[in-house]
């Protein structure tokens, strides 16, 4: 595991920056350095409603964009269209 955050308060969050603790969360495993550039990575999300996961590579992540549903979307478009997943 490269990084982990948890919230016991049930805080809703629409997007997370890898390595950055969202408000209302605590870091239980700190990101040590950068994400591996050539590794297949997986995000696991567990909520009271459902569990989900999404695979990605570090190269899929672009500055100023949100990686959602397997695609990189400009942050403004993400927020405007409420693409929260």
Protein backbone atom coordinates (compact mmCIF):
# COMPACT_ATOMS: atom_id res chain seq x y z
CA UNK A 1 0.00 0.00 0.00
CA UNK A 2 1.43 3.35 -1.06
CA UNK A 3 -1.04 5.73 0.62
CA UNK A 4 -4.19 5.54 2.72
CA UNK A 5 -6.63 7.99 4.29
CA UNK A 6 -9.68 7.26 6.42
CA UNK A 7 -12.64 9.16 7.76
CA UNK A 8 -14.61 7.92 10.73
CA UNK A 9 -17.00 10.88 10.39
CA UNK A 10 -18.44 9.83 7.04
CA UNK A 11 -17.24 12.93 5.22
CA UNK A 12 -18.36 13.29 1.59
CA UNK A 13 -15.60 14.10 -0.88
CA UNK A 14 -15.90 14.41 -4.66
CA UNK A 15 -12.23 14.27 -5.60
CA UNK A 16 -8.98 13.35 -3.89
CA UNK A 17 -5.43 14.36 -4.76
CA UNK A 18 -3.17 11.36 -4.20
CA UNK A 19 -0.90 12.05 -1.23
CA UNK A 20 -3.00 14.96 0.09
CA UNK A 21 -5.24 14.47 3.11
CA UNK A 22 -8.81 15.63 2.33
CA UNK A 23 -10.59 17.71 5.01
CA UNK A 24 -12.19 15.43 7.60
CA UNK A 25 -9.80 12.54 6.88
CA UNK A 26 -6.68 11.29 8.61
CA UNK A 27 -3.65 9.80 6.90
CA UNK A 28 -3.03 6.24 8.06
CA UNK A 29 -0.29 5.47 5.50
CA UNK A 30 1.71 8.44 4.22
CA UNK A 31 2.83 8.60 0.60
CA UNK A 32 6.61 8.25 0.66
CA UNK A 33 7.88 10.09 -2.41
CA UNK A 34 6.26 9.95 -5.83
CA UNK A 35 3.99 7.34 -7.34
CA UNK A 36 5.93 4.71 -9.30
CA UNK A 37 6.00 5.87 -12.93
CA UNK A 38 5.82 2.44 -14.54
CA UNK A 39 3.51 0.55 -12.16
CA UNK A 40 -0.14 -0.40 -12.55
CA UNK A 41 -1.87 1.22 -9.55
CA UNK A 42 -5.33 0.74 -8.05
CA UNK A 43 -7.49 3.07 -5.98
CA UNK A 44 -9.83 1.34 -3.53
CA UNK A 45 -12.73 3.35 -2.15
CA UNK A 46 -14.84 2.00 0.68
CA UNK A 47 -18.00 3.78 1.81
CA UNK A 48 -21.04 2.87 3.86
CA UNK A 49 -22.92 2.39 0.56
CA UNK A 50 -20.50 0.52 -1.66
CA UNK A 51 -16.91 -0.41 -2.40
CA UNK A 52 -15.24 0.35 -5.71
CA UNK A 53 -11.84 0.41 -7.33
CA UNK A 54 -10.19 1.93 -10.38
CA UNK A 55 -6.88 1.12 -12.01
CA UNK A 56 -4.51 3.76 -13.37
CA UNK A 57 -0.88 4.54 -14.10
CA UNK A 58 1.03 7.58 -12.89
CA UNK A 59 1.25 8.72 -16.52
CA UNK A 60 -2.59 8.90 -16.63
CA UNK A 61 -2.53 11.77 -14.12
CA UNK A 62 -2.14 15.26 -15.58
CA UNK A 63 -1.65 18.55 -13.67
CA UNK A 64 -4.90 20.51 -13.36
CA UNK A 65 -7.02 17.55 -14.48
CA UNK A 66 -9.13 14.94 -12.71
CA UNK A 67 -8.86 11.27 -13.66
CA UNK A 68 -12.41 9.92 -13.66
CA UNK A 69 -14.05 6.97 -15.39
CA UNK A 70 -10.75 6.13 -17.11
CA UNK A 71 -10.33 9.57 -18.67
CA UNK A 72 -8.51 12.78 -17.79
CA UNK A 73 -10.91 15.75 -17.50
CA UNK A 74 -10.03 19.43 -16.87
CA UNK A 75 -10.82 20.24 -13.22
CA UNK A 76 -13.25 23.05 -14.19
CA UNK A 77 -15.21 20.66 -16.44
CA UNK A 78 -15.25 18.04 -13.67
CA UNK A 79 -16.69 20.53 -11.20
CA UNK A 80 -19.14 22.08 -13.72
CA UNK A 81 -20.60 18.76 -14.83
CA UNK A 82 -20.55 17.24 -11.33
CA UNK A 83 -18.70 14.14 -12.50
CA UNK A 84 -18.06 13.04 -8.91
CA UNK A 85 -17.96 9.30 -8.74
